[in-house]
Amino acid sequence: MGLSGGANARAVSEIMTEYLAAVGAAGRVEREIAEADREIDARVYALYGLYAEEIRVVEG
């Protein structure tokens, strides 16, 4: 048997709350990965002694 209107609305609300929390967590992880990528790039550029113009070419 299906859920009543109120129970269905609560279930949808709970699912949406969980979904939005997961989306927020995924966004935070994506930002952390992007920051780590930038840090790695900067360290590699420094390791190879690249100048700003060379970095622009590499990053294209």
Protein backbone atom coordinates (compact mmCIF):
# COMPACT_ATOMS: atom_id res chain seq x y z
CA MET A 1 0.00 0.00 0.00
CA GLY A 2 1.23 3.54 -0.75
CA LEU A 3 2.09 6.33 1.64
CA SER A 4 -0.54 8.84 2.72
CA GLY A 5 -0.24 12.41 1.47
CA GLY A 6 1.40 13.66 4.66
CA ALA A 7 3.74 10.68 4.95
CA ASN A 8 4.66 11.03 1.29
CA ALA A 9 5.43 14.72 1.73
CA ARG A 10 7.62 13.96 4.77
CA ALA A 11 9.45 11.22 2.87
CA VAL A 12 10.10 13.55 -0.06
CA SER A 13 11.26 16.27 2.32
CA GLU A 14 13.67 13.89 4.07
CA ILE A 15 15.05 12.66 0.76
CA MET A 16 15.53 16.22 -0.49
CA THR A 17 17.29 17.19 2.74
CA GLU A 18 19.69 14.27 2.35
CA TYR A 19 20.18 15.06 -1.34
CA LEU A 20 20.98 18.72 -0.70
CA ALA A 21 23.44 17.76 2.05
CA ALA A 22 25.16 15.36 -0.35
CA VAL A 23 25.32 18.00 -3.07
CA GLY A 24 26.87 20.45 -0.60
CA ALA A 25 29.43 17.86 0.49
CA ALA A 26 30.29 17.07 -3.12
CA GLY A 27 30.80 20.77 -3.84
CA ARG A 28 33.17 21.08 -0.89
CA VAL A 29 35.16 18.06 -2.07
CA GLU A 30 35.35 19.47 -5.60
CA ARG A 31 36.68 22.78 -4.23
CA GLU A 32 39.26 20.95 -2.11
CA ILE A 33 40.40 18.94 -5.13
CA ALA A 34 40.69 22.10 -7.25
CA GLU A 35 42.77 23.77 -4.51
CA ALA A 36 45.04 20.71 -4.27
CA ASP A 37 45.46 20.74 -8.07
CA ARG A 38 46.47 24.42 -7.98
CA GLU A 39 48.96 23.74 -5.17
CA ILE A 40 50.48 20.80 -7.06
CA ASP A 41 50.75 22.90 -10.22
CA ALA A 42 52.44 25.74 -8.35
CA ARG A 43 54.97 23.37 -6.78
CA VAL A 44 55.76 21.70 -10.11
CA TYR A 45 56.19 25.08 -11.78
CA ALA A 46 58.55 26.15 -8.99
CA LEU A 47 60.44 22.85 -9.22
CA TYR A 48 61.08 23.45 -12.90
CA GLY A 49 61.72 27.17 -12.43
CA LEU A 50 59.01 28.24 -14.85
CA TYR A 51 58.32 31.92 -15.36
CA ALA A 52 54.83 33.43 -15.62
CA GLU A 53 54.89 33.43 -19.43
CA GLU A 54 55.90 29.77 -19.52
CA ILE A 55 53.16 28.90 -17.05
CA ARG A 56 50.59 30.65 -19.26
CA VAL A 57 51.77 28.52 -22.21
CA VAL A 58 51.55 25.31 -20.16
CA GLU A 59 48.09 26.15 -18.85
CA GLY A 60 47.05 27.18 -22.35
